[in-house]
N, C-alpha and C. Protein backbone atom coordinates (compact mmCIF):
# COMPACT_ATOMS: atom_id res chain seq x y z
N MET A 1 7.12 -21.92 -19.84
CA MET A 1 7.74 -21.40 -18.63
C MET A 1 6.81 -21.64 -17.43
N SER A 2 7.36 -22.16 -16.35
CA SER A 2 6.56 -22.46 -15.17
C SER A 2 6.10 -21.18 -14.48
N GLY A 3 5.09 -21.34 -13.61
CA GLY A 3 4.61 -20.19 -12.86
C GLY A 3 5.70 -19.58 -12.00
N GLU A 4 6.50 -20.43 -11.39
CA GLU A 4 7.60 -19.95 -10.55
C GLU A 4 8.60 -19.13 -11.36
N ASP A 5 8.86 -19.60 -12.58
CA ASP A 5 9.79 -18.86 -13.45
C ASP A 5 9.22 -17.51 -13.88
N LEU A 6 7.91 -17.50 -14.14
CA LEU A 6 7.26 -16.25 -14.52
C LEU A 6 7.37 -15.21 -13.41
N VAL A 7 7.11 -15.65 -12.19
CA VAL A 7 7.17 -14.73 -11.06
C VAL A 7 8.60 -14.25 -10.83
N LYS A 8 9.55 -15.17 -10.93
CA LYS A 8 10.95 -14.79 -10.75
C LYS A 8 11.38 -13.78 -11.80
N LYS A 9 10.92 -14.00 -13.02
CA LYS A 9 11.26 -13.08 -14.12
C LYS A 9 10.68 -11.69 -13.85
N LEU A 10 9.46 -11.65 -13.33
CA LEU A 10 8.82 -10.37 -13.01
C LEU A 10 9.59 -9.65 -11.91
N ARG A 11 9.94 -10.39 -10.87
CA ARG A 11 10.69 -9.79 -9.77
C ARG A 11 12.02 -9.21 -10.27
N GLU A 12 12.73 -9.97 -11.07
CA GLU A 12 14.02 -9.51 -11.59
C GLU A 12 13.86 -8.31 -12.52
N ALA A 13 12.74 -8.27 -13.25
CA ALA A 13 12.49 -7.14 -14.15
C ALA A 13 12.33 -5.84 -13.39
N ILE A 14 11.69 -5.91 -12.22
CA ILE A 14 11.53 -4.71 -11.40
C ILE A 14 12.89 -4.29 -10.84
N ILE A 15 13.64 -5.24 -10.32
CA ILE A 15 14.96 -4.92 -9.76
C ILE A 15 15.89 -4.37 -10.83
N ASN A 16 15.76 -4.88 -12.05
CA ASN A 16 16.64 -4.45 -13.14
C ASN A 16 16.11 -3.26 -13.91
N ARG A 17 15.05 -2.63 -13.41
CA ARG A 17 14.47 -1.40 -13.97
C ARG A 17 14.10 -1.53 -15.44
N GLU A 18 13.36 -2.58 -15.78
CA GLU A 18 13.03 -2.82 -17.17
C GLU A 18 11.81 -2.03 -17.66
N GLY A 19 11.17 -1.27 -16.77
CA GLY A 19 10.11 -0.38 -17.20
C GLY A 19 8.72 -0.93 -17.03
N ALA A 20 7.76 0.00 -16.94
CA ALA A 20 6.37 -0.36 -16.63
C ALA A 20 5.73 -1.23 -17.70
N GLU A 21 5.97 -0.94 -18.97
CA GLU A 21 5.31 -1.71 -20.03
C GLU A 21 5.81 -3.14 -20.08
N VAL A 22 7.10 -3.33 -19.89
CA VAL A 22 7.66 -4.68 -19.86
C VAL A 22 7.07 -5.46 -18.70
N VAL A 23 7.03 -4.82 -17.54
CA VAL A 23 6.51 -5.47 -16.34
C VAL A 23 5.02 -5.75 -16.49
N ARG A 24 4.29 -4.84 -17.10
CA ARG A 24 2.86 -5.05 -17.31
C ARG A 24 2.60 -6.32 -18.11
N GLY A 25 3.38 -6.53 -19.16
CA GLY A 25 3.23 -7.73 -19.98
C GLY A 25 3.49 -9.00 -19.19
N MET A 26 4.52 -8.97 -18.34
CA MET A 26 4.83 -10.13 -17.51
C MET A 26 3.71 -10.40 -16.51
N ALA A 27 3.18 -9.34 -15.93
CA ALA A 27 2.09 -9.48 -14.97
C ALA A 27 0.85 -10.07 -15.64
N GLU A 28 0.61 -9.71 -16.87
CA GLU A 28 -0.53 -10.27 -17.60
C GLU A 28 -0.35 -11.77 -17.81
N GLU A 29 0.87 -12.19 -18.10
CA GLU A 29 1.15 -13.63 -18.23
C GLU A 29 0.86 -14.35 -16.92
N ILE A 30 1.28 -13.76 -15.82
CA ILE A 30 1.06 -14.37 -14.51
C ILE A 30 -0.43 -14.45 -14.19
N ALA A 31 -1.16 -13.39 -14.52
CA ALA A 31 -2.60 -13.37 -14.28
C ALA A 31 -3.30 -14.45 -15.10
N GLN A 32 -2.89 -14.59 -16.35
CA GLN A 32 -3.49 -15.59 -17.23
C GLN A 32 -3.17 -17.01 -16.77
N ALA A 33 -2.04 -17.17 -16.09
CA ALA A 33 -1.64 -18.48 -15.61
C ALA A 33 -2.37 -18.87 -14.33
N GLY A 34 -3.13 -17.94 -13.78
CA GLY A 34 -3.92 -18.23 -12.60
C GLY A 34 -3.13 -18.28 -11.31
N ILE A 35 -1.97 -17.64 -11.28
CA ILE A 35 -1.13 -17.62 -10.10
C ILE A 35 -1.71 -16.64 -9.08
N ASP A 36 -1.62 -16.98 -7.80
CA ASP A 36 -2.20 -16.16 -6.73
C ASP A 36 -1.61 -14.75 -6.74
N ALA A 37 -2.43 -13.77 -7.08
CA ALA A 37 -1.96 -12.39 -7.21
C ALA A 37 -1.52 -11.80 -5.88
N VAL A 38 -2.24 -12.12 -4.82
CA VAL A 38 -1.90 -11.57 -3.51
C VAL A 38 -0.52 -12.04 -3.07
N GLU A 39 -0.24 -13.32 -3.26
CA GLU A 39 1.07 -13.85 -2.89
C GLU A 39 2.19 -13.22 -3.72
N VAL A 40 1.93 -13.02 -5.00
CA VAL A 40 2.94 -12.41 -5.86
C VAL A 40 3.26 -10.99 -5.39
N ILE A 41 2.22 -10.23 -5.07
CA ILE A 41 2.41 -8.85 -4.62
C ILE A 41 3.18 -8.82 -3.30
N GLN A 42 2.74 -9.64 -2.34
CA GLN A 42 3.35 -9.62 -1.01
C GLN A 42 4.74 -10.23 -0.99
N ASN A 43 4.92 -11.34 -1.69
CA ASN A 43 6.16 -12.11 -1.57
C ASN A 43 7.21 -11.78 -2.62
N ASP A 44 6.79 -11.09 -3.68
CA ASP A 44 7.74 -10.84 -4.77
C ASP A 44 7.83 -9.37 -5.19
N LEU A 45 6.69 -8.73 -5.41
CA LEU A 45 6.75 -7.35 -5.89
C LEU A 45 7.26 -6.39 -4.81
N VAL A 46 6.70 -6.47 -3.63
CA VAL A 46 7.14 -5.57 -2.56
C VAL A 46 8.60 -5.79 -2.20
N PRO A 47 9.07 -7.04 -2.03
CA PRO A 47 10.50 -7.25 -1.78
C PRO A 47 11.39 -6.75 -2.92
N ALA A 48 10.90 -6.85 -4.15
CA ALA A 48 11.70 -6.36 -5.28
C ALA A 48 11.92 -4.86 -5.20
N VAL A 49 10.86 -4.13 -4.88
CA VAL A 49 10.99 -2.68 -4.76
C VAL A 49 11.84 -2.32 -3.54
N LYS A 50 11.72 -3.10 -2.47
CA LYS A 50 12.57 -2.86 -1.30
C LYS A 50 14.05 -3.05 -1.66
N GLU A 51 14.33 -4.03 -2.49
CA GLU A 51 15.72 -4.24 -2.93
C GLU A 51 16.23 -3.05 -3.72
N VAL A 52 15.37 -2.47 -4.56
CA VAL A 52 15.75 -1.26 -5.29
C VAL A 52 16.05 -0.14 -4.31
N GLY A 53 15.21 0.00 -3.29
CA GLY A 53 15.45 1.02 -2.28
C GLY A 53 16.74 0.80 -1.53
N ASP A 54 17.05 -0.45 -1.21
CA ASP A 54 18.31 -0.77 -0.52
C ASP A 54 19.51 -0.41 -1.39
N ARG A 55 19.40 -0.70 -2.68
CA ARG A 55 20.51 -0.38 -3.59
C ARG A 55 20.68 1.14 -3.73
N PHE A 56 19.56 1.85 -3.66
CA PHE A 56 19.64 3.31 -3.70
C PHE A 56 20.38 3.82 -2.47
N GLU A 57 20.04 3.27 -1.32
CA GLU A 57 20.71 3.69 -0.08
C GLU A 57 22.21 3.41 -0.13
N ARG A 58 22.59 2.32 -0.79
CA ARG A 58 24.00 1.97 -0.87
C ARG A 58 24.74 2.74 -1.97
N GLY A 59 24.00 3.57 -2.71
CA GLY A 59 24.61 4.35 -3.78
C GLY A 59 24.80 3.60 -5.07
N GLU A 60 24.17 2.42 -5.18
CA GLU A 60 24.29 1.61 -6.39
C GLU A 60 23.26 2.01 -7.44
N TYR A 61 22.12 2.53 -6.98
CA TYR A 61 21.07 2.99 -7.89
C TYR A 61 20.85 4.48 -7.67
N PHE A 62 20.17 5.10 -8.64
CA PHE A 62 19.96 6.53 -8.59
C PHE A 62 18.46 6.84 -8.58
N LEU A 63 18.15 8.13 -8.55
CA LEU A 63 16.76 8.56 -8.45
C LEU A 63 15.91 8.01 -9.59
N THR A 64 16.46 8.03 -10.79
CA THR A 64 15.69 7.52 -11.94
C THR A 64 15.36 6.04 -11.76
N ASP A 65 16.27 5.28 -11.15
CA ASP A 65 16.01 3.87 -10.90
C ASP A 65 14.84 3.71 -9.94
N MET A 66 14.79 4.56 -8.92
CA MET A 66 13.69 4.51 -7.96
C MET A 66 12.36 4.81 -8.64
N MET A 67 12.36 5.79 -9.52
CA MET A 67 11.13 6.17 -10.20
C MET A 67 10.65 5.05 -11.13
N LEU A 68 11.60 4.40 -11.82
CA LEU A 68 11.24 3.29 -12.69
C LEU A 68 10.64 2.14 -11.89
N ALA A 69 11.21 1.87 -10.72
CA ALA A 69 10.69 0.80 -9.87
C ALA A 69 9.28 1.12 -9.39
N ALA A 70 9.04 2.37 -9.03
CA ALA A 70 7.71 2.78 -8.57
C ALA A 70 6.67 2.61 -9.67
N GLU A 71 7.03 3.03 -10.88
CA GLU A 71 6.11 2.89 -12.00
C GLU A 71 5.84 1.42 -12.32
N ALA A 72 6.89 0.60 -12.24
CA ALA A 72 6.75 -0.82 -12.52
C ALA A 72 5.86 -1.50 -11.49
N LEU A 73 6.05 -1.16 -10.22
CA LEU A 73 5.22 -1.73 -9.16
C LEU A 73 3.76 -1.38 -9.37
N GLU A 74 3.49 -0.14 -9.68
CA GLU A 74 2.11 0.31 -9.90
C GLU A 74 1.47 -0.42 -11.07
N ALA A 75 2.24 -0.57 -12.17
CA ALA A 75 1.71 -1.24 -13.36
C ALA A 75 1.41 -2.70 -13.08
N ALA A 76 2.34 -3.39 -12.44
CA ALA A 76 2.16 -4.81 -12.15
C ALA A 76 1.00 -5.04 -11.19
N THR A 77 0.92 -4.21 -10.16
CA THR A 77 -0.16 -4.35 -9.17
C THR A 77 -1.52 -4.13 -9.81
N GLU A 78 -1.59 -3.15 -10.68
CA GLU A 78 -2.85 -2.86 -11.37
C GLU A 78 -3.34 -4.07 -12.16
N VAL A 79 -2.41 -4.70 -12.88
CA VAL A 79 -2.77 -5.88 -13.68
C VAL A 79 -3.17 -7.05 -12.79
N LEU A 80 -2.38 -7.32 -11.78
CA LEU A 80 -2.61 -8.49 -10.94
C LEU A 80 -3.88 -8.40 -10.11
N THR A 81 -4.26 -7.19 -9.72
CA THR A 81 -5.45 -7.04 -8.88
C THR A 81 -6.73 -6.85 -9.69
N HIS A 82 -6.60 -6.72 -11.00
CA HIS A 82 -7.77 -6.42 -11.83
C HIS A 82 -8.81 -7.54 -11.78
N ASN A 83 -8.35 -8.78 -11.87
CA ASN A 83 -9.30 -9.89 -11.92
C ASN A 83 -9.08 -10.88 -10.77
N LEU A 84 -8.86 -10.34 -9.59
CA LEU A 84 -8.69 -11.22 -8.44
C LEU A 84 -9.96 -12.05 -8.20
N LYS A 85 -9.75 -13.32 -7.88
CA LYS A 85 -10.89 -14.13 -7.46
C LYS A 85 -11.41 -13.59 -6.14
N GLU A 86 -12.63 -13.94 -5.81
CA GLU A 86 -13.27 -13.36 -4.63
C GLU A 86 -12.46 -13.59 -3.36
N GLU A 87 -11.95 -14.84 -3.18
CA GLU A 87 -11.20 -15.11 -1.96
C GLU A 87 -9.88 -14.34 -1.94
N GLY A 88 -9.26 -14.19 -3.12
CA GLY A 88 -8.02 -13.42 -3.21
C GLY A 88 -8.28 -11.95 -2.95
N LYS A 89 -9.40 -11.47 -3.44
CA LYS A 89 -9.76 -10.06 -3.23
C LYS A 89 -9.97 -9.79 -1.75
N ARG A 90 -10.60 -10.73 -1.06
CA ARG A 90 -10.82 -10.55 0.38
C ARG A 90 -9.49 -10.53 1.13
N ALA A 91 -8.58 -11.40 0.73
CA ALA A 91 -7.27 -11.44 1.39
C ALA A 91 -6.51 -10.14 1.16
N PHE A 92 -6.61 -9.63 -0.06
CA PHE A 92 -5.92 -8.38 -0.37
C PHE A 92 -6.55 -7.23 0.41
N GLU A 93 -7.87 -7.20 0.48
CA GLU A 93 -8.56 -6.15 1.22
C GLU A 93 -8.29 -6.26 2.71
N ASP A 94 -8.15 -7.49 3.22
CA ASP A 94 -7.82 -7.68 4.63
C ASP A 94 -6.44 -7.11 4.93
N ARG A 95 -5.50 -7.30 4.03
CA ARG A 95 -4.16 -6.75 4.24
C ARG A 95 -4.22 -5.24 4.28
N ILE A 96 -5.03 -4.65 3.40
CA ILE A 96 -5.18 -3.20 3.38
C ILE A 96 -5.76 -2.71 4.71
N ARG A 97 -6.76 -3.44 5.20
CA ARG A 97 -7.42 -3.01 6.44
C ARG A 97 -6.49 -3.10 7.63
N THR A 98 -5.65 -4.13 7.67
CA THR A 98 -4.82 -4.36 8.85
C THR A 98 -3.46 -3.67 8.77
N SER A 99 -3.08 -3.16 7.61
CA SER A 99 -1.78 -2.50 7.48
C SER A 99 -1.85 -1.07 8.02
N LYS A 100 -0.72 -0.55 8.43
CA LYS A 100 -0.63 0.85 8.83
C LYS A 100 -0.76 1.73 7.59
N LYS A 101 -1.50 2.81 7.72
CA LYS A 101 -1.80 3.65 6.56
C LYS A 101 -1.18 5.04 6.70
N VAL A 102 -0.63 5.51 5.59
CA VAL A 102 0.01 6.82 5.56
C VAL A 102 -0.61 7.65 4.44
N VAL A 103 -1.02 8.85 4.77
CA VAL A 103 -1.44 9.82 3.75
C VAL A 103 -0.28 10.77 3.53
N ILE A 104 0.10 10.96 2.28
CA ILE A 104 1.27 11.77 1.99
C ILE A 104 0.99 12.69 0.80
N GLY A 105 1.64 13.84 0.80
CA GLY A 105 1.46 14.77 -0.31
C GLY A 105 2.35 16.00 -0.17
N VAL A 106 2.40 16.78 -1.22
CA VAL A 106 3.12 18.06 -1.21
C VAL A 106 2.09 19.15 -0.92
N VAL A 107 2.41 20.03 0.00
CA VAL A 107 1.43 21.00 0.48
C VAL A 107 1.04 22.03 -0.58
N LYS A 108 -0.01 22.74 -0.27
CA LYS A 108 -0.60 23.75 -1.15
C LYS A 108 0.46 24.73 -1.68
N GLY A 109 0.40 25.00 -2.98
CA GLY A 109 1.29 25.97 -3.60
C GLY A 109 2.62 25.42 -4.05
N ASP A 110 2.90 24.14 -3.75
CA ASP A 110 4.19 23.54 -4.08
C ASP A 110 3.98 22.37 -5.04
N ILE A 111 4.78 22.31 -6.09
CA ILE A 111 4.62 21.24 -7.08
C ILE A 111 5.86 20.36 -7.19
N HIS A 112 6.76 20.47 -6.25
CA HIS A 112 8.01 19.70 -6.30
C HIS A 112 7.79 18.37 -5.56
N ASP A 113 7.68 17.29 -6.31
CA ASP A 113 7.23 16.04 -5.69
C ASP A 113 8.21 14.87 -5.78
N ILE A 114 9.43 15.10 -6.24
CA ILE A 114 10.36 13.98 -6.38
C ILE A 114 10.66 13.34 -5.03
N GLY A 115 10.96 14.16 -4.03
CA GLY A 115 11.24 13.63 -2.70
C GLY A 115 10.05 12.89 -2.12
N LYS A 116 8.88 13.47 -2.29
CA LYS A 116 7.66 12.84 -1.79
C LYS A 116 7.45 11.49 -2.46
N ASN A 117 7.70 11.41 -3.75
CA ASN A 117 7.54 10.16 -4.49
C ASN A 117 8.46 9.07 -3.95
N MET A 118 9.67 9.45 -3.60
CA MET A 118 10.62 8.49 -3.05
C MET A 118 10.15 7.96 -1.70
N VAL A 119 9.64 8.86 -0.87
CA VAL A 119 9.13 8.45 0.44
C VAL A 119 7.97 7.48 0.27
N ALA A 120 7.05 7.79 -0.62
CA ALA A 120 5.90 6.92 -0.86
C ALA A 120 6.34 5.55 -1.33
N LEU A 121 7.31 5.52 -2.24
CA LEU A 121 7.81 4.24 -2.75
C LEU A 121 8.41 3.39 -1.64
N LEU A 122 9.26 3.98 -0.82
CA LEU A 122 9.91 3.22 0.24
C LEU A 122 8.92 2.79 1.33
N LEU A 123 7.93 3.61 1.59
CA LEU A 123 6.90 3.22 2.55
C LEU A 123 6.14 1.99 2.06
N ARG A 124 5.77 2.00 0.79
CA ARG A 124 5.07 0.84 0.22
C ARG A 124 5.96 -0.39 0.26
N ALA A 125 7.24 -0.22 -0.03
CA ALA A 125 8.16 -1.35 -0.03
C ALA A 125 8.32 -1.94 1.37
N ASN A 126 8.02 -1.15 2.39
CA ASN A 126 8.13 -1.63 3.76
C ASN A 126 6.78 -2.02 4.36
N GLY A 127 5.78 -2.19 3.49
CA GLY A 127 4.52 -2.76 3.93
C GLY A 127 3.42 -1.80 4.33
N TYR A 128 3.67 -0.49 4.21
CA TYR A 128 2.63 0.48 4.55
C TYR A 128 1.68 0.68 3.36
N VAL A 129 0.44 0.98 3.68
CA VAL A 129 -0.53 1.35 2.64
C VAL A 129 -0.50 2.87 2.52
N VAL A 130 -0.19 3.36 1.33
CA VAL A 130 0.04 4.79 1.13
C VAL A 130 -1.03 5.40 0.24
N SER A 131 -1.64 6.48 0.74
CA SER A 131 -2.53 7.30 -0.08
C SER A 131 -1.73 8.52 -0.50
N ASP A 132 -1.31 8.53 -1.75
CA ASP A 132 -0.48 9.62 -2.27
C ASP A 132 -1.39 10.65 -2.93
N LEU A 133 -1.48 11.82 -2.31
CA LEU A 133 -2.37 12.87 -2.83
C LEU A 133 -1.72 13.73 -3.90
N GLY A 134 -0.44 13.50 -4.16
CA GLY A 134 0.23 14.25 -5.21
C GLY A 134 0.79 15.57 -4.71
N LYS A 135 0.65 16.61 -5.52
CA LYS A 135 1.23 17.91 -5.19
C LYS A 135 0.16 18.99 -5.13
N ASP A 136 0.53 20.15 -4.53
CA ASP A 136 -0.37 21.28 -4.40
C ASP A 136 -1.67 20.86 -3.69
N VAL A 137 -1.51 20.23 -2.53
CA VAL A 137 -2.64 19.65 -1.79
C VAL A 137 -3.06 20.59 -0.66
N SER A 138 -4.32 20.87 -0.58
CA SER A 138 -4.83 21.77 0.47
C SER A 138 -4.87 21.06 1.82
N ALA A 139 -4.91 21.84 2.88
CA ALA A 139 -5.02 21.28 4.22
C ALA A 139 -6.28 20.44 4.35
N LYS A 140 -7.37 20.93 3.79
CA LYS A 140 -8.64 20.21 3.87
C LYS A 140 -8.54 18.84 3.20
N ASP A 141 -7.86 18.79 2.06
CA ASP A 141 -7.74 17.51 1.36
C ASP A 141 -6.92 16.51 2.17
N PHE A 142 -5.86 16.98 2.82
CA PHE A 142 -5.08 16.10 3.68
C PHE A 142 -5.95 15.52 4.79
N VAL A 143 -6.68 16.39 5.46
CA VAL A 143 -7.49 15.96 6.60
C VAL A 143 -8.63 15.05 6.14
N ASP A 144 -9.29 15.41 5.05
CA ASP A 144 -10.40 14.60 4.55
C ASP A 144 -9.92 13.19 4.18
N GLU A 145 -8.76 13.10 3.53
CA GLU A 145 -8.25 11.79 3.12
C GLU A 145 -7.84 10.95 4.33
N ALA A 146 -7.22 11.60 5.30
CA ALA A 146 -6.82 10.88 6.51
C ALA A 146 -8.04 10.29 7.21
N GLU A 147 -9.11 11.06 7.30
CA GLU A 147 -10.34 10.59 7.92
C GLU A 147 -10.97 9.48 7.09
N LYS A 148 -10.92 9.62 5.79
CA LYS A 148 -11.56 8.66 4.89
C LYS A 148 -10.90 7.28 4.98
N VAL A 149 -9.57 7.24 4.96
CA VAL A 149 -8.86 5.96 4.91
C VAL A 149 -8.48 5.42 6.28
N GLY A 150 -8.70 6.20 7.32
CA GLY A 150 -8.30 5.77 8.65
C GLY A 150 -6.80 5.75 8.81
N ALA A 151 -6.17 6.84 8.39
CA ALA A 151 -4.70 6.90 8.39
C ALA A 151 -4.12 6.89 9.80
N HIS A 152 -2.89 6.44 9.89
CA HIS A 152 -2.14 6.49 11.13
C HIS A 152 -1.13 7.64 11.11
N VAL A 153 -0.66 7.96 9.91
CA VAL A 153 0.36 9.00 9.75
C VAL A 153 -0.01 9.90 8.58
N ILE A 154 0.28 11.20 8.73
CA ILE A 154 0.14 12.16 7.64
C ILE A 154 1.52 12.73 7.37
N GLY A 155 1.97 12.62 6.12
CA GLY A 155 3.28 13.13 5.74
C GLY A 155 3.15 14.36 4.86
N LEU A 156 3.80 15.46 5.27
CA LEU A 156 3.68 16.74 4.57
C LEU A 156 5.03 17.15 3.99
N SER A 157 5.07 17.32 2.68
CA SER A 157 6.32 17.71 2.02
C SER A 157 6.22 19.12 1.48
N ALA A 158 7.34 19.86 1.55
CA ALA A 158 7.41 21.21 0.99
C ALA A 158 8.86 21.49 0.60
N LEU A 159 9.06 22.05 -0.57
CA LEU A 159 10.41 22.38 -1.01
C LEU A 159 10.67 23.88 -1.00
N LEU A 160 9.61 24.66 -1.08
CA LEU A 160 9.74 26.11 -1.13
C LEU A 160 9.53 26.72 0.26
N THR A 161 10.35 27.69 0.61
CA THR A 161 10.17 28.35 1.91
C THR A 161 8.82 29.04 1.99
N THR A 162 8.32 29.48 0.85
CA THR A 162 7.03 30.18 0.84
C THR A 162 5.86 29.24 1.12
N THR A 163 6.07 27.94 0.95
CA THR A 163 4.96 27.00 1.18
C THR A 163 5.07 26.28 2.53
N LEU A 164 6.14 26.53 3.26
CA LEU A 164 6.30 25.90 4.57
C LEU A 164 5.11 26.13 5.51
N PRO A 165 4.57 27.37 5.56
CA PRO A 165 3.45 27.61 6.48
C PRO A 165 2.25 26.70 6.26
N PHE A 166 2.11 26.17 5.03
CA PHE A 166 0.98 25.30 4.75
C PHE A 166 1.10 23.96 5.47
N GLN A 167 2.32 23.57 5.85
CA GLN A 167 2.47 22.38 6.69
C GLN A 167 1.81 22.64 8.04
N GLY A 168 2.06 23.80 8.59
CA GLY A 168 1.42 24.17 9.85
C GLY A 168 -0.08 24.26 9.74
N ASP A 169 -0.58 24.69 8.59
CA ASP A 169 -2.02 24.82 8.39
C ASP A 169 -2.72 23.46 8.53
N VAL A 170 -2.07 22.41 8.05
CA VAL A 170 -2.68 21.07 8.15
C VAL A 170 -2.83 20.69 9.62
N ILE A 171 -1.78 20.91 10.40
CA ILE A 171 -1.82 20.58 11.82
C ILE A 171 -2.86 21.43 12.55
N ASN A 172 -2.94 22.70 12.19
CA ASN A 172 -3.94 23.58 12.81
C ASN A 172 -5.36 23.11 12.50
N LEU A 173 -5.58 22.67 11.25
CA LEU A 173 -6.91 22.21 10.87
C LEU A 173 -7.28 20.93 11.62
N LEU A 174 -6.30 20.05 11.80
CA LEU A 174 -6.56 18.83 12.57
C LEU A 174 -6.99 19.19 13.99
N SER A 175 -6.32 20.19 14.56
CA SER A 175 -6.67 20.62 15.93
C SER A 175 -8.05 21.24 15.97
N GLU A 176 -8.36 22.08 14.97
CA GLU A 176 -9.67 22.72 14.93
C GLU A 176 -10.80 21.71 14.85
N LYS A 177 -10.55 20.61 14.15
CA LYS A 177 -11.56 19.58 13.99
C LYS A 177 -11.58 18.60 15.16
N GLY A 178 -10.65 18.77 16.08
CA GLY A 178 -10.60 17.90 17.25
C GLY A 178 -10.08 16.51 16.98
N VAL A 179 -9.29 16.36 15.92
CA VAL A 179 -8.79 15.03 15.56
C VAL A 179 -7.26 14.96 15.55
N ARG A 180 -6.60 15.98 16.08
CA ARG A 180 -5.13 16.00 16.03
C ARG A 180 -4.52 14.76 16.67
N GLY A 181 -5.09 14.31 17.76
CA GLY A 181 -4.54 13.17 18.48
C GLY A 181 -4.64 11.85 17.75
N LYS A 182 -5.43 11.79 16.68
CA LYS A 182 -5.61 10.55 15.96
C LYS A 182 -4.44 10.23 15.03
N TYR A 183 -3.62 11.24 14.72
CA TYR A 183 -2.60 11.06 13.69
C TYR A 183 -1.21 11.49 14.15
N LYS A 184 -0.21 10.78 13.66
CA LYS A 184 1.15 11.25 13.75
C LYS A 184 1.43 12.06 12.49
N VAL A 185 1.94 13.26 12.65
CA VAL A 185 2.21 14.13 11.50
C VAL A 185 3.71 14.31 11.37
N ILE A 186 4.23 14.01 10.18
CA ILE A 186 5.66 14.21 9.93
C ILE A 186 5.83 15.19 8.78
N VAL A 187 6.96 15.90 8.81
CA VAL A 187 7.23 16.88 7.75
C VAL A 187 8.61 16.63 7.16
N GLY A 188 8.78 17.10 5.93
CA GLY A 188 10.07 16.98 5.26
C GLY A 188 10.12 17.91 4.07
N GLY A 189 11.30 17.95 3.45
CA GLY A 189 11.51 18.85 2.32
C GLY A 189 12.72 19.73 2.56
N GLY A 190 13.30 20.23 1.48
CA GLY A 190 14.54 20.98 1.53
C GLY A 190 14.70 22.00 2.64
N PRO A 191 13.77 22.93 2.82
CA PRO A 191 13.95 23.98 3.82
C PRO A 191 13.50 23.59 5.23
N THR A 192 13.00 22.39 5.42
CA THR A 192 12.50 21.99 6.74
C THR A 192 13.65 21.56 7.65
N THR A 193 13.42 21.66 8.94
CA THR A 193 14.38 21.23 9.96
C THR A 193 13.62 20.63 11.13
N SER A 194 14.36 20.01 12.03
CA SER A 194 13.71 19.47 13.22
C SER A 194 13.11 20.60 14.07
N GLU A 195 13.80 21.75 14.06
CA GLU A 195 13.29 22.91 14.82
C GLU A 195 11.98 23.40 14.22
N TRP A 196 11.92 23.41 12.91
CA TRP A 196 10.69 23.83 12.24
C TRP A 196 9.55 22.87 12.59
N ALA A 197 9.83 21.58 12.55
CA ALA A 197 8.81 20.59 12.88
C ALA A 197 8.27 20.82 14.29
N THR A 198 9.17 21.07 15.22
CA THR A 198 8.75 21.31 16.60
C THR A 198 7.90 22.58 16.71
N SER A 199 8.30 23.60 15.97
CA SER A 199 7.61 24.89 16.08
C SER A 199 6.16 24.84 15.60
N ILE A 200 5.85 23.94 14.67
CA ILE A 200 4.47 23.86 14.16
C ILE A 200 3.69 22.72 14.81
N GLY A 201 4.34 22.01 15.73
CA GLY A 201 3.64 20.94 16.44
C GLY A 201 3.61 19.61 15.74
N ALA A 202 4.54 19.38 14.79
CA ALA A 202 4.61 18.09 14.12
C ALA A 202 5.19 17.05 15.06
N ASP A 203 4.96 15.79 14.75
CA ASP A 203 5.48 14.70 15.58
C ASP A 203 6.89 14.29 15.20
N GLY A 204 7.35 14.74 14.04
CA GLY A 204 8.69 14.37 13.63
C GLY A 204 9.09 14.97 12.31
N TRP A 205 10.40 14.92 12.05
CA TRP A 205 10.97 15.45 10.82
C TRP A 205 12.01 14.47 10.29
N ALA A 206 12.09 14.35 8.98
CA ALA A 206 13.08 13.48 8.37
C ALA A 206 13.80 14.23 7.26
N PRO A 207 15.13 14.09 7.18
CA PRO A 207 15.89 14.81 6.16
C PRO A 207 15.86 14.16 4.79
N ASP A 208 15.45 12.88 4.72
CA ASP A 208 15.43 12.19 3.43
C ASP A 208 14.45 11.02 3.50
N ALA A 209 14.30 10.33 2.35
CA ALA A 209 13.28 9.28 2.25
C ALA A 209 13.54 8.11 3.20
N SER A 210 14.77 7.66 3.28
CA SER A 210 15.08 6.51 4.13
C SER A 210 14.77 6.81 5.59
N ASN A 211 15.16 8.00 6.03
CA ASN A 211 14.89 8.37 7.41
C ASN A 211 13.41 8.61 7.66
N ALA A 212 12.68 8.99 6.63
CA ALA A 212 11.24 9.16 6.79
C ALA A 212 10.57 7.83 7.10
N VAL A 213 11.01 6.77 6.43
CA VAL A 213 10.44 5.45 6.70
C VAL A 213 10.79 5.00 8.11
N ARG A 214 12.01 5.23 8.52
CA ARG A 214 12.41 4.87 9.89
C ARG A 214 11.60 5.67 10.92
N LEU A 215 11.36 6.93 10.62
CA LEU A 215 10.59 7.78 11.52
C LEU A 215 9.17 7.26 11.68
N VAL A 216 8.55 6.90 10.57
CA VAL A 216 7.19 6.36 10.62
C VAL A 216 7.16 5.10 11.48
N ALA A 217 8.13 4.23 11.26
CA ALA A 217 8.19 2.99 12.05
C ALA A 217 8.33 3.29 13.54
N GLU A 218 9.19 4.23 13.88
CA GLU A 218 9.40 4.59 15.28
C GLU A 218 8.14 5.18 15.90
N LEU A 219 7.48 6.05 15.16
CA LEU A 219 6.27 6.69 15.68
C LEU A 219 5.14 5.69 15.90
N LEU A 220 5.15 4.63 15.10
CA LEU A 220 4.09 3.62 15.21
C LEU A 220 4.52 2.44 16.06
N GLY A 221 5.67 2.58 16.71
CA GLY A 221 6.09 1.55 17.64
C GLY A 221 6.70 0.33 17.01
N GLY A 222 7.22 0.46 15.77
CA GLY A 222 7.82 -0.67 15.09
C GLY A 222 9.23 -0.35 14.67
N SER A 223 9.72 -1.11 13.70
CA SER A 223 11.06 -0.88 13.17
C SER A 223 11.13 -1.44 11.76
N ILE A 224 12.16 -1.02 11.02
CA ILE A 224 12.42 -1.58 9.71
C ILE A 224 13.83 -2.10 9.69
N SER A 225 14.07 -3.01 8.76
CA SER A 225 15.41 -3.57 8.68
C SER A 225 16.36 -2.63 7.96
């Protein structure tokens, strides 16, 4: 099988939700064939996941399909970047440095992360570098990570009304440290509203994953298709 066929097969496997282990094996074949890992990630893996996201928006795919695509992308990327040649590693690192960066997580006391996971997946599919802190994340951890990676946006998710105040705590901590102006802060989650976002001083609110990606693009002066 040619290198082009291997890459096409990998891309189709992600779109067809064939799972992380299947995709990992295909990625290993591509790595062994010496195909440029950076090009595969940029030109094939990311568009494949974007296609999954588009199908989700059209109602053709479901939440489980999105999660399978996210796992497959992570598995393939891990394999392909493991043994990058020096020049390829520099190109990949250059892309990371020049891309817009988003720190995202579920706030302290909340462990509901499905919505957050969808936002992270779609952001990556649209070319953003995402630092996903997971769930039950303290305000300090959000701020520390944003400072560490040089983030442009901080995304705060909460599903419980009891954890909503922790979104405000992150913004307050940014202000206390004198770095609030460095970041755009967006909020989301079941009980959140645009009024809530305004009340805590957030830069924006999104009702779902697709709108969150559009919001990030708007806040950073860009757009998505």
